[in-house]
Each structure stands twice: as C-alpha cells, then as structure tokens.
Amino acid sequence: MRTEARIETYEPYEALPAGLAAQVAALEAQAWPGSSPGHDPALAPRAVLLLDADGRVAACLAILHQQIRLADGHTYRAAGLSGVVTRADLRGRGHGGRLVAAARALLDADPAVDLALFSCDPELVPFYEAAGFEVLPGTVLVGGTPAEPLATDAPGLGKTVLGAFSARTAHAGGPGDDEGRADRVRAAFTGIRVPLYPGTIDRLW
C-alpha cells in the first residue's frame, strides 16, 4: 500500500541506507556535475530526505555543523544547509520548500545549535525566506581553510548569506539569564566576514 511523502533524517550521514545514498549521490551529480558525493565527517553531517509515496528520494539536503569563533572572543555553534536539491521530474511541486522547512524546524529544536548560517544564489533568497530564514545584510562567509579561503563575495560567486535564530536560543539557560540572546547572536553575525572555514570538501557548505 502506498503511503504519503515523508521526511526522514539520518545521523550520522553514513547511516543512510545504500539505496538512498545512491539516489542522493545521483541527484547531487546531476545538480553539480563533477562534484564529489558525500560530506566531511568532521562537520557531523545529518541527512534530511523527502521520500515520495514510493519511498524514492524526491528531495534531499544535508545539515552540517561547525564551531565559529568571532573576533569578540565568543564561540558559536553553527549549522548550515548544504546540497539542497529536488529531483528534476518533481520540481515546482513544493517538495523543496517542504524539505527546507523541515530542516528549519530541526535546527530550531536542536539545543546544540546557536544559529543556522549558509549562503545561496540571490534568486533563491525568497525560497529560503519562505521557510523562515533571513538575509544577513553585509555578511560574508569565508569558507575553505585559512590557507585556501573561499568567500561568498569572491568574483563570480556573489552569494547572499542567510541565517536563523530561534526563540529557544533566545531563552537558553532560563528566563532572564539569556533574554535577547537571539538578537545578540543575530547582531554578532550581521555585517561581518565570518571565519567559517569548514575545510576543503564542503568549502562553503
């Protein structure tokens, strides 16, 4: 009996069943020819899949994690979306939006995440805003490594940086102790060059 489309998550990423992993790799290869499948295990990747009624991958993405130390001396636990792709024959049906909204909910509920942070092409900004992410004006992500950086404002890239700051983050540690924390984290990451440095595999995650 066929079932409705559903969201499934796998953490660690390597827990993906072989059949689903092959489908994800095929979708990524179609969207980004020449790219290597998979993600750096050091970024604690989490697979988020939207499976259709037949159990096939309709859309997929990965949530990656990285600690970021800013010039203010604080270290933040960031998570970002990577490899967001919908199967070509299913595009335009809302599957990508449903997947990204599910990922946003997962990030919002994760006590180990201070903020979501990633970049996209400018024309995709409304798509991510509809799922609850917001543009961070003037923010640049610096990926790669300190020795081989890749920034979102590099020539030919021109990416827009988005973030998300949950109500849970705002009140972490109890009412009064961290009141307004989400606003402070948002301010800390707005209008700066963020030393993301996720490595050479997921260079800008």
C-alpha atoms as a PDB file:
ATOM      1  CA  MET A   1       0.000   0.000   0.000  1.00  0.00           C
ATOM      2  CA  ARG A   2       1.407   3.392  -0.979  1.00  0.00           C
ATOM      3  CA  THR A   3       1.952   5.994   1.707  1.00  0.00           C
ATOM      4  CA  GLU A   4       2.206   9.765   1.648  1.00  0.00           C
ATOM      5  CA  ALA A   5       5.514  11.518   1.081  1.00  0.00           C
ATOM      6  CA  ARG A   6       7.502  11.748   4.311  1.00  0.00           C
ATOM      7  CA  ILE A   7      10.596  13.315   5.844  1.00  0.00           C
ATOM      8  CA  GLU A   8      13.368  11.037   7.090  1.00  0.00           C
ATOM      9  CA  THR A   9      16.625  12.019   8.786  1.00  0.00           C
ATOM     10  CA  TYR A  10      19.847  10.075   9.218  1.00  0.00           C
ATOM     11  CA  GLU A  11      22.619  10.956  11.639  1.00  0.00           C
ATOM     12  CA  PRO A  12      25.442  10.224  11.206  1.00  0.00           C
ATOM     13  CA  TYR A  13      25.277  10.722   7.455  1.00  0.00           C
ATOM     14  CA  GLU A  14      26.892   7.325   6.931  1.00  0.00           C
ATOM     15  CA  ALA A  15      23.746   5.723   8.382  1.00  0.00           C
ATOM     16  CA  LEU A  16      21.976   6.388   5.061  1.00  0.00           C
ATOM     17  CA  PRO A  17      20.881   3.038   3.592  1.00  0.00           C
ATOM     18  CA  ALA A  18      22.863   2.189   0.479  1.00  0.00           C
ATOM     19  CA  GLY A  19      19.887   2.545  -1.865  1.00  0.00           C
ATOM     20  CA  LEU A  20      19.001   6.015  -0.596  1.00  0.00           C
ATOM     21  CA  ALA A  21      22.653   7.086  -0.552  1.00  0.00           C
ATOM     22  CA  ALA A  22      22.970   6.131  -4.212  1.00  0.00           C
ATOM     23  CA  GLN A  23      19.905   8.200  -5.093  1.00  0.00           C
ATOM     24  CA  VAL A  24      21.232  11.201  -3.175  1.00  0.00           C
ATOM     25  CA  ALA A  25      24.609  10.920  -4.918  1.00  0.00           C
ATOM     26  CA  ALA A  26      22.877  10.750  -8.310  1.00  0.00           C
ATOM     27  CA  LEU A  27      20.800  13.864  -7.586  1.00  0.00           C
ATOM     28  CA  GLU A  28      23.875  15.786  -6.437  1.00  0.00           C
ATOM     29  CA  ALA A  29      25.834  14.683  -9.516  1.00  0.00           C
ATOM     30  CA  GLN A  30      23.054  15.953 -11.792  1.00  0.00           C
ATOM     31  CA  ALA A  31      22.823  19.286  -9.966  1.00  0.00           C
ATOM     32  CA  TRP A  32      26.580  19.836  -9.577  1.00  0.00           C
ATOM     33  CA  PRO A  33      28.444  17.862 -12.270  1.00  0.00           C
ATOM     34  CA  GLY A  34      31.975  16.978 -11.269  1.00  0.00           C
ATOM     35  CA  SER A  35      31.389  17.334  -7.546  1.00  0.00           C
ATOM     36  CA  SER A  36      32.352  14.590  -5.120  1.00  0.00           C
ATOM     37  CA  PRO A  37      29.470  12.893  -3.291  1.00  0.00           C
ATOM     38  CA  GLY A  38      29.155  12.998   0.471  1.00  0.00           C
ATOM     39  CA  HIS A  39      30.309  15.441   3.134  1.00  0.00           C
ATOM     40  CA  ASP A  40      33.204  15.865   5.535  1.00  0.00           C
ATOM     41  CA  PRO A  41      32.557  13.672   8.614  1.00  0.00           C
ATOM     42  CA  ALA A  42      34.271  16.351  10.726  1.00  0.00           C
ATOM     43  CA  LEU A  43      31.203  18.569  10.117  1.00  0.00           C
ATOM     44  CA  ALA A  44      28.854  15.989  11.694  1.00  0.00           C
ATOM     45  CA  PRO A  45      26.613  15.838   8.598  1.00  0.00           C
ATOM     46  CA  ARG A  46      22.963  14.944   9.036  1.00  0.00           C
ATOM     47  CA  ALA A  47      20.949  13.784   6.014  1.00  0.00           C
ATOM     48  CA  VAL A  48      17.410  15.094   5.613  1.00  0.00           C
ATOM     49  CA  LEU A  49      15.350  13.443   2.876  1.00  0.00           C
ATOM     50  CA  LEU A  50      11.877  13.862   1.476  1.00  0.00           C
ATOM     51  CA  LEU A  51      10.746  10.474   0.206  1.00  0.00           C
ATOM     52  CA  ASP A  52       7.859  10.193  -2.244  1.00  0.00           C
ATOM     53  CA  ALA A  53       4.948   7.784  -1.900  1.00  0.00           C
ATOM     54  CA  ASP A  54       7.081   5.030  -3.446  1.00  0.00           C
ATOM     55  CA  GLY A  55       9.948   5.552  -0.996  1.00  0.00           C
ATOM     56  CA  ARG A  56      12.199   7.228  -3.560  1.00  0.00           C
ATOM     57  CA  VAL A  57      14.194  10.379  -2.809  1.00  0.00           C
ATOM     58  CA  ALA A  58      12.178  13.357  -4.033  1.00  0.00           C
ATOM     59  CA  ALA A  59      14.441  15.983  -2.432  1.00  0.00           C
ATOM     60  CA  CYS A  60      17.427  15.971  -0.109  1.00  0.00           C
ATOM     61  CA  LEU A  61      19.853  18.131   1.808  1.00  0.00           C
ATOM     62  CA  ALA A  62      22.494  17.861   4.494  1.00  0.00           C
ATOM     63  CA  ILE A  63      22.815  19.811   7.727  1.00  0.00           C
ATOM     64  CA  LEU A  64      26.464  20.479   8.581  1.00  0.00           C
ATOM     65  CA  HIS A  65      27.872  21.704  11.879  1.00  0.00           C
ATOM     66  CA  GLN A  66      30.843  23.878  12.753  1.00  0.00           C
ATOM     67  CA  GLN A  67      32.033  25.936  15.709  1.00  0.00           C
ATOM     68  CA  ILE A  68      32.841  29.530  14.794  1.00  0.00           C
ATOM     69  CA  ARG A  69      34.977  31.824  16.925  1.00  0.00           C
ATOM     70  CA  LEU A  70      34.442  35.518  16.228  1.00  0.00           C
ATOM     71  CA  ALA A  71      36.688  38.466  16.946  1.00  0.00           C
ATOM     72  CA  ASP A  72      34.541  39.262  20.001  1.00  0.00           C
ATOM     73  CA  GLY A  73      36.043  36.192  21.659  1.00  0.00           C
ATOM     74  CA  HIS A  74      32.818  34.185  21.669  1.00  0.00           C
ATOM     75  CA  THR A  75      32.456  30.756  20.065  1.00  0.00           C
ATOM     76  CA  TYR A  76      29.153  29.913  18.410  1.00  0.00           C
ATOM     77  CA  ARG A  77      27.745  26.550  17.322  1.00  0.00           C
ATOM     78  CA  ALA A  78      26.557  26.998  13.755  1.00  0.00           C
ATOM     79  CA  ALA A  79      24.706  24.678  11.402  1.00  0.00           C
ATOM     80  CA  GLY A  80      24.174  25.165   7.691  1.00  0.00           C
ATOM     81  CA  LEU A  81      22.240  23.691   4.810  1.00  0.00           C
ATOM     82  CA  SER A  82      24.211  22.015   2.051  1.00  0.00           C
ATOM     83  CA  GLY A  83      23.386  20.153  -1.148  1.00  0.00           C
ATOM     84  CA  VAL A  84      19.730  21.201  -1.322  1.00  0.00           C
ATOM     85  CA  VAL A  85      18.296  19.532  -4.429  1.00  0.00           C
ATOM     86  CA  THR A  86      14.946  18.284  -5.749  1.00  0.00           C
ATOM     87  CA  ARG A  87      14.543  15.512  -8.305  1.00  0.00           C
ATOM     88  CA  ALA A  88      14.234  17.104 -11.744  1.00  0.00           C
ATOM     89  CA  ASP A  89      10.898  15.484 -12.617  1.00  0.00           C
ATOM     90  CA  LEU A  90       9.321  16.691  -9.365  1.00  0.00           C
ATOM     91  CA  ARG A  91      10.380  20.320  -9.336  1.00  0.00           C
ATOM     92  CA  GLY A  92       7.754  23.008  -8.993  1.00  0.00           C
ATOM     93  CA  ARG A  93       5.537  20.951  -6.691  1.00  0.00           C
ATOM     94  CA  GLY A  94       6.672  22.362  -3.359  1.00  0.00           C
ATOM     95  CA  HIS A  95       8.877  19.428  -2.360  1.00  0.00           C
ATOM     96  CA  GLY A  96      11.972  21.589  -1.894  1.00  0.00           C
ATOM     97  CA  GLY A  97      10.058  24.077   0.234  1.00  0.00           C
ATOM     98  CA  ARG A  98       8.686  21.323   2.427  1.00  0.00           C
ATOM     99  CA  LEU A  99      12.158  19.831   2.867  1.00  0.00           C
ATOM    100  CA  VAL A 100      13.808  23.133   3.778  1.00  0.00           C
ATOM    101  CA  ALA A 101      11.002  23.990   6.204  1.00  0.00           C
ATOM    102  CA  ALA A 102      11.526  20.617   7.887  1.00  0.00           C
ATOM    103  CA  ALA A 103      15.250  21.310   8.163  1.00  0.00           C
ATOM    104  CA  ARG A 104      14.499  24.728   9.662  1.00  0.00           C
ATOM    105  CA  ALA A 105      12.292  23.057  12.290  1.00  0.00           C
ATOM    106  CA  LEU A 106      15.043  20.550  13.118  1.00  0.00           C
ATOM    107  CA  LEU A 107      17.549  23.375  13.607  1.00  0.00           C
ATOM    108  CA  ASP A 108      15.111  25.338  15.728  1.00  0.00           C
ATOM    109  CA  ALA A 109      14.636  22.364  18.048  1.00  0.00           C
ATOM    110  CA  ASP A 110      18.330  21.433  18.347  1.00  0.00           C
ATOM    111  CA  PRO A 111      19.783  22.592  21.705  1.00  0.00           C
ATOM    112  CA  ALA A 112      23.315  22.110  20.328  1.00  0.00           C
ATOM    113  CA  VAL A 113      22.847  24.796  17.633  1.00  0.00           C
ATOM    114  CA  ASP A 114      23.145  28.535  18.333  1.00  0.00           C
ATOM    115  CA  LEU A 115      22.305  29.644  14.808  1.00  0.00           C
ATOM    116  CA  ALA A 116      21.765  28.493  11.245  1.00  0.00           C
ATOM    117  CA  LEU A 117      24.098  30.048   8.695  1.00  0.00           C
ATOM    118  CA  PHE A 118      24.572  29.414   4.962  1.00  0.00           C
ATOM    119  CA  SER A 119      24.588  31.131   1.575  1.00  0.00           C
ATOM    120  CA  CYS A 120      22.661  30.858  -1.670  1.00  0.00           C
ATOM    121  CA  ASP A 121      22.320  32.476  -5.086  1.00  0.00           C
ATOM    122  CA  PRO A 122      20.391  35.772  -4.814  1.00  0.00           C
ATOM    123  CA  GLU A 123      17.448  34.470  -6.851  1.00  0.00           C
ATOM    124  CA  LEU A 124      16.867  31.717  -4.273  1.00  0.00           C
ATOM    125  CA  VAL A 125      16.519  34.110  -1.340  1.00  0.00           C
ATOM    126  CA  PRO A 126      12.660  34.188  -1.424  1.00  0.00           C
ATOM    127  CA  PHE A 127      12.621  30.379  -1.391  1.00  0.00           C
ATOM    128  CA  TYR A 128      14.616  30.244   1.839  1.00  0.00           C
ATOM    129  CA  GLU A 129      12.848  33.212   3.401  1.00  0.00           C
ATOM    130  CA  ALA A 130       9.559  31.350   2.974  1.00  0.00           C
ATOM    131  CA  ALA A 131      10.997  28.609   5.206  1.00  0.00           C
ATOM    132  CA  GLY A 132      11.927  31.044   7.976  1.00  0.00           C
ATOM    133  CA  PHE A 133      15.482  32.063   7.128  1.00  0.00           C
ATOM    134  CA  GLU A 134      16.511  35.720   6.920  1.00  0.00           C
ATOM    135  CA  VAL A 135      19.087  37.673   4.946  1.00  0.00           C
ATOM    136  CA  LEU A 136      22.059  38.941   6.975  1.00  0.00           C
ATOM    137  CA  PRO A 137      22.904  42.290   5.335  1.00  0.00           C
ATOM    138  CA  GLY A 138      26.585  42.794   4.636  1.00  0.00           C
ATOM    139  CA  THR A 139      27.590  39.374   5.989  1.00  0.00           C
ATOM    140  CA  VAL A 140      30.207  37.364   4.101  1.00  0.00           C
ATOM    141  CA  LEU A 141      31.049  33.727   4.790  1.00  0.00           C
ATOM    142  CA  VAL A 142      34.705  32.816   4.390  1.00  0.00           C
ATOM    143  CA  GLY A 143      34.919  29.119   3.647  1.00  0.00           C
ATOM    144  CA  GLY A 144      37.645  26.705   2.684  1.00  0.00           C
ATOM    145  CA  THR A 145      40.625  26.941   5.003  1.00  0.00           C
ATOM    146  CA  PRO A 146      42.700  29.882   6.281  1.00  0.00           C
ATOM    147  CA  ALA A 147      45.398  28.859   3.793  1.00  0.00           C
ATOM    148  CA  GLU A 148      42.922  28.410   0.903  1.00  0.00           C
ATOM    149  CA  PRO A 149      39.895  30.619   1.656  1.00  0.00           C
ATOM    150  CA  LEU A 150      36.766  30.879  -0.477  1.00  0.00           C
ATOM    151  CA  ALA A 151      34.446  33.770   0.340  1.00  0.00           C
ATOM    152  CA  THR A 152      30.842  34.282  -0.686  1.00  0.00           C
ATOM    153  CA  ASP A 153      31.772  37.660  -2.202  1.00  0.00           C
ATOM    154  CA  ALA A 154      34.565  36.203  -4.352  1.00  0.00           C
ATOM    155  CA  PRO A 155      34.473  37.204  -8.041  1.00  0.00           C
ATOM    156  CA  GLY A 156      31.923  35.092  -9.879  1.00  0.00           C
ATOM    157  CA  LEU A 157      30.131  33.913  -6.719  1.00  0.00           C
ATOM    158  CA  GLY A 158      28.108  36.810  -5.356  1.00  0.00           C
ATOM    159  CA  LYS A 159      26.232  34.676  -2.823  1.00  0.00           C
ATOM    160  CA  THR A 160      23.727  36.004  -0.286  1.00  0.00           C
ATOM    161  CA  VAL A 161      24.155  34.914   3.345  1.00  0.00           C
ATOM    162  CA  LEU A 162      21.124  33.798   5.343  1.00  0.00           C
ATOM    163  CA  GLY A 163      20.642  32.877   8.972  1.00  0.00           C
ATOM    164  CA  ALA A 164      18.068  31.757  11.505  1.00  0.00           C
ATOM    165  CA  PHE A 165      17.866  32.483  15.233  1.00  0.00           C
ATOM    166  CA  SER A 166      15.316  30.582  17.272  1.00  0.00           C
ATOM    167  CA  ALA A 167      13.204  31.585  20.244  1.00  0.00           C
ATOM    168  CA  ARG A 168      14.735  28.620  22.059  1.00  0.00           C
ATOM    169  CA  THR A 169      18.173  30.144  21.604  1.00  0.00           C
ATOM    170  CA  ALA A 170      16.887  33.440  22.935  1.00  0.00           C
ATOM    171  CA  HIS A 171      15.898  31.865  26.233  1.00  0.00           C
ATOM    172  CA  ALA A 172      18.608  29.224  26.620  1.00  0.00           C
ATOM    173  CA  GLY A 173      19.684  28.989  30.229  1.00  0.00           C
ATOM    174  CA  GLY A 174      16.366  30.124  31.634  1.00  0.00           C
ATOM    175  CA  PRO A 175      14.205  33.258  31.524  1.00  0.00           C
ATOM    176  CA  GLY A 176      16.164  36.389  32.318  1.00  0.00           C
ATOM    177  CA  ASP A 177      19.627  34.791  32.031  1.00  0.00           C
ATOM    178  CA  ASP A 178      19.763  34.883  28.228  1.00  0.00           C
ATOM    179  CA  GLU A 179      16.899  37.225  27.406  1.00  0.00           C
ATOM    180  CA  GLY A 180      17.521  38.671  23.970  1.00  0.00           C
ATOM    181  CA  ARG A 181      20.293  36.197  23.149  1.00  0.00           C
ATOM    182  CA  ALA A 182      18.899  35.583  19.660  1.00  0.00           C
ATOM    183  CA  ASP A 183      19.095  39.306  18.933  1.00  0.00           C
ATOM    184  CA  ARG A 184      22.663  39.436  20.200  1.00  0.00           C
ATOM    185  CA  VAL A 185      23.693  36.452  18.085  1.00  0.00           C
ATOM    186  CA  ARG A 186      21.989  37.995  15.042  1.00  0.00           C
ATOM    187  CA  ALA A 187      23.841  41.272  15.646  1.00  0.00           C
ATOM    188  CA  ALA A 188      27.157  39.454  16.088  1.00  0.00           C
ATOM    189  CA  PHE A 189      26.807  37.811  12.668  1.00  0.00           C
ATOM    190  CA  THR A 190      25.439  40.776  10.718  1.00  0.00           C
ATOM    191  CA  GLY A 191      27.710  42.881   8.523  1.00  0.00           C
ATOM    192  CA  ILE A 192      30.915  40.916   9.206  1.00  0.00           C
ATOM    193  CA  ARG A 193      33.200  38.449   7.471  1.00  0.00           C
ATOM    194  CA  VAL A 194      32.514  35.139   9.220  1.00  0.00           C
ATOM    195  CA  PRO A 195      35.523  32.778   9.576  1.00  0.00           C
ATOM    196  CA  LEU A 196      33.555  29.634   8.749  1.00  0.00           C
ATOM    197  CA  TYR A 197      36.456  27.527   7.395  1.00  0.00           C
ATOM    198  CA  PRO A 198      34.654  24.162   7.015  1.00  0.00           C
ATOM    199  CA  GLY A 199      37.558  22.639   5.078  1.00  0.00           C
ATOM    200  CA  THR A 200      38.312  21.553   1.525  1.00  0.00           C
ATOM    201  CA  ILE A 201      35.397  19.152   0.971  1.00  0.00           C
ATOM    202  CA  ASP A 202      32.416  21.355   1.894  1.00  0.00           C
ATOM    203  CA  ARG A 203      34.188  24.599   1.094  1.00  0.00           C
ATOM    204  CA  LEU A 204      31.150  26.829   1.565  1.00  0.00           C
ATOM    205  CA  TRP A 205      28.781  24.138   2.771  1.00  0.00           C
END
